[in-house]
Protein backbone atom coordinates (compact mmCIF):
# COMPACT_ATOMS: atom_id res chain seq x y z
CA MET A 1 -7.76 -3.04 -38.26
CA LEU A 2 -4.18 -1.92 -39.12
CA PRO A 3 -5.18 1.40 -40.65
CA PHE A 4 -7.21 2.26 -37.52
CA PHE A 5 -4.13 1.75 -35.39
CA SER A 6 -1.79 3.58 -37.70
CA LEU A 7 -4.18 6.65 -37.44
CA LEU A 8 -4.22 6.19 -33.75
CA LEU A 9 -0.40 6.25 -33.68
CA LEU A 10 -0.47 9.35 -35.96
CA VAL A 11 -2.90 11.06 -33.50
CA VAL A 12 -0.61 10.19 -30.56
CA THR A 13 2.40 11.58 -32.36
CA ALA A 14 0.67 14.87 -33.21
CA VAL A 15 -0.58 15.39 -29.69
CA SER A 16 2.98 14.61 -28.35
CA VAL A 17 4.46 17.19 -30.67
CA PHE A 18 1.72 19.74 -29.65
CA VAL A 19 2.34 19.00 -26.00
CA ALA A 20 6.26 19.44 -26.53
CA VAL A 21 5.82 22.72 -28.21
CA ALA A 22 3.17 24.10 -25.78
CA ALA A 23 5.39 23.13 -22.71
CA PHE A 24 7.88 25.95 -23.75
CA ILE A 25 5.10 28.64 -23.65
CA PRO A 26 5.44 30.54 -20.41
CA ASP A 27 2.33 30.74 -18.23
CA GLU A 28 3.56 32.60 -15.12
CA SER A 29 1.28 35.53 -14.94
CA ARG A 30 -1.52 33.90 -12.96
CA ARG A 31 0.96 32.25 -10.63
CA LYS A 32 2.70 35.58 -9.93
CA VAL A 33 -0.46 37.36 -9.13
CA GLU A 34 -1.44 34.68 -6.68
CA GLU A 35 1.91 34.88 -4.97
CA GLN A 36 1.57 38.65 -4.67
CA LEU A 37 -1.93 38.47 -3.18
CA GLY A 38 -0.92 35.49 -0.76
CA LEU A 39 -3.42 33.14 -2.31
CA GLN A 40 -1.33 30.34 -3.39
CA GLY A 41 -0.76 28.83 -0.08
CA VAL A 42 2.04 26.50 0.73
CA SER A 43 3.55 25.27 -2.47
CA SER A 44 7.06 23.94 -1.83
CA GLY A 45 6.94 20.92 -4.22
CA GLN A 46 7.62 20.59 -7.92
CA VAL A 47 4.87 19.37 -10.26
CA SER A 48 5.85 16.33 -12.30
CA PRO A 49 7.41 17.04 -15.56
CA VAL A 50 4.77 14.72 -17.17
CA VAL A 51 2.07 16.94 -15.83
CA GLU A 52 3.73 20.06 -17.10
CA MET A 53 4.09 18.40 -20.49
CA PHE A 54 0.54 17.39 -20.82
CA ARG A 55 -1.08 20.57 -19.14
CA PRO A 56 -2.23 22.03 -22.52
CA VAL A 57 -4.09 18.82 -23.19
CA LEU A 58 -5.39 18.58 -19.61
CA ARG A 59 -6.82 22.13 -20.03
CA MET A 60 -8.74 21.06 -23.14
CA VAL A 61 -10.11 17.82 -21.48
CA ALA A 62 -10.98 19.32 -18.20
CA PRO A 63 -14.22 20.98 -19.28
CA MET A 64 -15.58 17.63 -20.35
CA VAL A 65 -15.21 16.11 -16.82
CA ARG A 66 -16.85 19.06 -14.92
CA GLY A 67 -20.24 17.18 -15.01
CA ILE A 68 -18.92 14.29 -13.26
CA ARG A 69 -20.63 14.33 -9.81
CA ALA A 70 -18.03 12.90 -7.32
CA GLN A 71 -17.71 15.49 -4.61
CA ARG A 72 -15.94 13.16 -2.10
CA TYR A 73 -13.27 12.34 -4.63
CA ARG A 74 -12.95 15.84 -5.64
CA ASP A 75 -12.47 16.87 -2.05
CA TRP A 76 -9.97 14.02 -1.60
CA ILE A 77 -7.93 15.28 -4.61
CA GLU A 78 -7.79 18.88 -3.35
CA ARG A 79 -6.56 17.74 0.11
CA GLN A 80 -3.95 15.46 -1.45
CA PHE A 81 -2.50 18.48 -3.40
CA VAL A 82 -2.61 20.68 -0.24
CA THR A 83 -0.86 17.97 1.81
CA ALA A 84 1.81 17.46 -0.96
CA GLY A 85 2.63 21.11 -0.89
CA LEU A 86 1.25 21.66 -4.48
CA THR A 87 -1.65 23.98 -3.54
CA GLY A 88 -3.06 25.43 -6.64
CA ALA A 89 -0.82 23.23 -9.03
CA MET A 90 -3.82 21.31 -10.43
CA GLY A 91 -7.61 21.42 -9.77
CA ALA A 92 -9.86 18.48 -9.39
CA ASP A 93 -11.05 18.76 -12.95
CA GLU A 94 -7.54 18.76 -14.35
CA PHE A 95 -6.54 15.81 -12.19
CA MET A 96 -9.55 13.76 -13.47
CA ALA A 97 -8.65 14.78 -16.98
CA TYR A 98 -5.02 13.74 -16.28
CA LYS A 99 -6.36 10.21 -15.34
CA ILE A 100 -8.25 9.96 -18.59
CA VAL A 101 -5.44 11.12 -20.75
CA MET A 102 -2.90 8.73 -19.04
CA ALA A 103 -5.52 5.89 -19.44
CA MET A 104 -5.66 6.56 -23.21
CA ILE A 105 -1.85 7.04 -23.56
CA PHE A 106 -1.26 3.63 -21.84
CA TRP A 107 -3.85 2.01 -24.05
CA GLY A 108 -2.66 3.61 -27.28
CA LEU A 109 1.12 2.80 -26.60
CA PHE A 110 0.93 -0.62 -25.10
CA ILE A 111 -1.99 -1.97 -27.02
CA GLY A 112 -2.16 0.09 -30.17
CA LEU A 113 1.54 0.45 -30.87
CA LEU A 114 3.17 -2.53 -29.23
CA CYS A 115 0.45 -5.24 -29.69
CA LYS A 116 -1.17 -4.22 -32.90
CA VAL A 117 1.33 -2.57 -34.99
CA ILE A 118 4.67 -4.18 -33.97
CA THR A 119 3.73 -7.71 -32.82
CA GLY A 120 0.33 -8.13 -34.36
CA TRP A 121 -0.82 -9.87 -31.15
CA GLN A 122 -4.67 -10.05 -30.79
CA GLU A 123 -4.99 -9.43 -27.10
CA PRO A 124 -8.16 -10.22 -25.16
CA ILE A 125 -10.51 -7.56 -23.87
CA VAL A 126 -9.22 -8.18 -20.32
CA VAL A 127 -5.77 -6.91 -21.28
CA ASP A 128 -7.25 -3.70 -22.72
CA LEU A 129 -9.09 -3.17 -19.45
CA PHE A 130 -6.16 -3.82 -17.33
CA VAL A 131 -3.87 -1.50 -19.25
CA ILE A 132 -6.58 1.36 -19.13
CA VAL A 133 -7.07 0.91 -15.39
CA LEU A 134 -3.31 0.93 -14.84
CA GLY A 135 -3.00 4.19 -16.77
CA SER A 136 -5.84 5.78 -14.93
CA PHE A 137 -4.13 4.89 -11.48
CA PHE A 138 -0.83 6.31 -12.54
CA PRO A 139 -1.72 9.99 -11.39
CA GLU A 140 -3.05 8.80 -8.06
CA ILE A 141 0.36 6.75 -7.48
CA TRP A 142 2.18 9.96 -8.36
CA ILE A 143 0.27 12.24 -5.96
CA ARG A 144 0.33 9.70 -3.08
CA GLY A 145 4.03 9.42 -3.59
CA GLU A 146 4.41 13.18 -3.35
CA VAL A 147 2.26 13.24 -0.13
CA THR A 148 4.31 10.43 1.37
CA ARG A 149 7.69 12.09 0.51
CA ARG A 150 6.62 15.60 2.07
CA GLN A 151 5.26 13.92 5.21
CA GLU A 152 8.51 11.96 5.75
CA GLU A 153 10.46 15.32 5.44
CA ILE A 154 8.27 16.97 7.96
CA ARG A 155 8.51 13.99 10.26
CA ARG A 156 12.34 14.04 10.14
CA ALA A 157 12.56 17.74 10.80
CA LEU A 158 9.91 17.80 13.53
CA PRO A 159 11.98 16.79 16.61
CA TYR A 160 14.69 19.48 16.05
CA VAL A 161 11.99 22.21 15.24
CA MET A 162 10.10 21.21 18.43
CA ASP A 163 13.22 21.32 20.59
CA LEU A 164 14.02 24.76 19.19
CA LEU A 165 10.51 26.03 19.78
CA THR A 166 10.56 24.68 23.30
CA LEU A 167 13.83 26.32 24.13
CA SER A 168 12.62 29.74 22.72
CA VAL A 169 9.35 29.61 24.78
CA GLU A 170 11.18 28.48 27.98
CA ALA A 171 13.66 31.34 27.44
CA GLY A 172 10.82 33.84 27.80
CA LEU A 173 9.36 34.32 24.32
CA ASP A 174 5.64 33.82 23.64
CA PHE A 175 4.47 31.21 21.25
CA VAL A 176 4.37 33.43 18.22
CA ALA A 177 7.67 35.08 18.77
CA GLY A 178 9.18 31.65 19.29
CA LEU A 179 7.71 30.45 16.07
CA HIS A 180 9.21 33.53 14.39
CA LYS A 181 12.65 32.57 15.82
CA VAL A 182 12.24 29.00 14.71
CA VAL A 183 11.43 30.14 11.14
CA GLU A 184 14.47 32.30 11.14
CA LYS A 185 16.97 29.86 12.51
CA ALA A 186 15.78 26.42 11.32
CA LYS A 187 16.78 24.74 8.13
CA ALA A 188 14.40 25.51 5.22
CA GLY A 189 12.00 22.67 4.42
CA PRO A 190 8.39 21.81 4.33
CA LEU A 191 7.82 22.06 8.04
CA VAL A 192 9.37 25.48 8.28
CA GLU A 193 7.22 26.66 5.30
CA GLU A 194 4.10 25.35 6.95
CA LEU A 195 5.04 27.26 10.16
CA ALA A 196 5.75 30.40 8.12
CA PHE A 197 2.36 30.17 6.47
CA PHE A 198 0.89 29.64 10.03
CA LEU A 199 2.49 32.92 11.01
CA ARG A 200 1.05 34.68 7.97
CA GLU A 201 -2.43 33.44 8.68
CA ILE A 202 -2.10 34.99 12.24
CA GLN A 203 -0.86 38.24 10.74
CA ILE A 204 -3.82 38.65 8.53
CA GLY A 205 -6.31 38.28 11.36
CA ALA A 206 -6.75 34.44 11.90
CA SER A 207 -7.12 33.20 15.47
CA ARG A 208 -4.40 31.07 16.85
CA GLN A 209 -6.78 28.15 17.31
CA GLN A 210 -8.05 28.37 13.62
CA ALA A 211 -4.48 28.70 12.26
CA LEU A 212 -3.45 25.52 14.33
CA ARG A 213 -6.37 23.68 12.86
CA ASN A 214 -5.49 24.71 9.36
CA LEU A 215 -1.93 23.57 9.99
CA ALA A 216 -3.07 20.12 11.08
CA TYR A 217 -5.49 19.95 8.12
CA ARG A 218 -2.75 20.81 5.61
CA CYS A 219 -0.13 18.40 6.88
CA ASN A 220 -2.62 15.67 7.65
CA MET A 221 -0.19 13.93 10.06
CA ALA A 222 -0.94 12.37 13.56
CA GLU A 223 2.03 14.12 15.07
CA LEU A 224 0.98 17.63 14.08
CA SER A 225 -2.71 16.91 14.68
CA SER A 226 -1.90 15.97 18.24
CA PHE A 227 0.54 19.00 18.56
CA ALA A 228 -2.30 21.36 17.39
CA ALA A 229 -4.85 19.70 19.69
CA LEU A 230 -2.68 20.03 22.76
CA LEU A 231 -1.96 23.76 22.00
CA ILE A 232 -5.62 24.54 21.44
CA GLN A 233 -6.52 22.77 24.71
CA ALA A 234 -3.85 24.74 26.56
CA ASP A 235 -4.98 27.92 25.00
CA ILE A 236 -8.67 27.40 25.97
CA LEU A 237 -7.65 26.36 29.69
CA GLY A 238 -5.18 29.21 29.91
CA ALA A 239 -2.31 26.83 30.79
CA SER A 240 1.41 27.61 30.29
CA ILE A 241 2.71 26.48 26.91
CA GLY A 242 6.16 25.73 27.96
CA PRO A 243 5.52 22.44 29.82
CA VAL A 244 3.11 21.41 27.01
CA LEU A 245 5.80 21.99 24.39
CA ARG A 246 8.40 20.16 26.46
CA ALA A 247 6.13 17.08 26.97
CA GLN A 248 5.26 17.09 23.13
CA SER A 249 8.79 17.38 22.17
CA ASP A 250 9.83 14.33 24.44
CA LEU A 251 6.79 12.36 23.02
CA ILE A 252 7.87 13.14 19.31
CA ARG A 253 11.52 12.13 19.90
CA THR A 254 10.42 8.87 21.65
CA GLN A 255 8.02 8.20 18.74
CA ARG A 256 11.00 8.78 16.34
CA TYR A 257 13.24 6.29 18.06
CA GLN A 258 10.33 3.69 18.21
CA ARG A 259 9.79 4.29 14.50
CA ALA A 260 13.39 3.70 13.72
CA GLU A 261 13.50 0.55 15.65
CA ARG A 262 10.39 -0.70 14.03
CA MET A 263 11.84 0.12 10.59
CA GLY A 264 14.94 -1.84 11.58
CA ALA A 265 12.97 -4.80 12.54
CA GLN A 266 11.08 -4.65 9.27
CA ALA A 267 14.39 -4.48 7.26
CA ALA A 268 15.55 -7.59 9.01
CA GLN A 269 12.27 -9.31 7.82
CA LYS A 270 12.35 -7.95 4.32
CA ILE A 271 15.93 -9.12 3.76
CA LEU A 272 14.75 -12.70 4.21
CA PHE A 273 12.99 -12.67 0.75
CA PRO A 274 16.21 -12.00 -1.43
CA LEU A 275 18.07 -14.37 1.04
CA ILE A 276 15.68 -17.19 0.32
CA LEU A 277 15.21 -16.48 -3.41
CA CYS A 278 18.66 -15.54 -4.47
CA ILE A 279 21.33 -16.47 -1.93
CA MET A 280 20.16 -19.83 -0.58
CA PRO A 281 19.66 -21.50 -4.08
CA ALA A 282 23.25 -20.49 -4.97
CA VAL A 283 24.45 -21.94 -1.66
CA PHE A 284 22.59 -25.15 -2.24
CA VAL A 285 24.00 -25.46 -5.79
CA VAL A 286 27.67 -24.97 -4.52
CA ILE A 287 27.11 -27.35 -1.61
CA PHE A 288 24.88 -30.08 -3.07
CA GLY A 289 25.86 -29.79 -6.77
CA PRO A 290 29.08 -32.00 -6.52
CA ILE A 291 27.25 -34.60 -4.43
CA VAL A 292 24.53 -34.87 -7.03
CA LEU A 293 26.95 -35.08 -9.81
CA ASN A 294 28.97 -37.86 -8.09
CA PHE A 295 25.74 -39.67 -7.38
CA ILE A 296 24.69 -39.61 -11.10
CA TYR A 297 28.06 -39.98 -12.89
CA GLY A 298 30.16 -41.67 -10.36
CA SER A 299 32.81 -40.62 -7.89
CA GLY A 300 35.45 -39.94 -10.59
CA VAL A 301 33.63 -36.94 -12.01
CA ILE A 302 34.70 -34.47 -9.31
CA GLY A 303 38.37 -33.84 -9.09
CA GLY A 304 39.20 -36.57 -11.52
């Protein structure tokens, strides 16, 4: 069995050298063309360096997974990349190939190298399956983390942007002109980039209602979904947008305060775990340690 795992280690090393060399080869032509044509969408995040390193291998493995019929999962992958601001960074086939590659790398490094070659431990099959599943879930953990990070940035910037938009509309500008003013004056971030893409959609001929639906779909947040639904309803009924924006701005700021209070209450509960596990045992040792020693060895042990 040892020659097999030595060969496996050699293959993993060769693949790593190939990936490291291929990572320095520029591949910007397709990206530049998509940016010039406006086809790339909102792409404000940075792809993981691990993904960039293994991209040549992913492109070789991707054709092997095209026959997998999992349309719901593929749609979920595409939407996760859109929500994370990584539109066009990786397709569903490449992502599934990424899962397979990471599963094999986890298995090769932890089982083939650590267990077999170094320690010689004969692990049960359950350990192999656990390591393979853990490696296959690593890409999903990464993309979920990117989605959460971007949504938090949008959520933090939303009250200020809503206030600025409300002031612009109440000052006499229409909704689109107010958004132009917000994009110009607000601090750059994921929310401003989404609003800029919303304006570009309107400029190329999309209706305001469809652009608002697309905005809510890309961000996948309850706050922006409610914001889009209210504006669409006001547009259908012909109501004034100013009061709607003011009410929505007050609601978002109230929700922000409530979320901060909820997180503060959760922090007070979470601090109980290190308090009970780490601090309280030390306090008990300091307080009851001398008493126990006196009880065991006599009263002359402490201070004698």
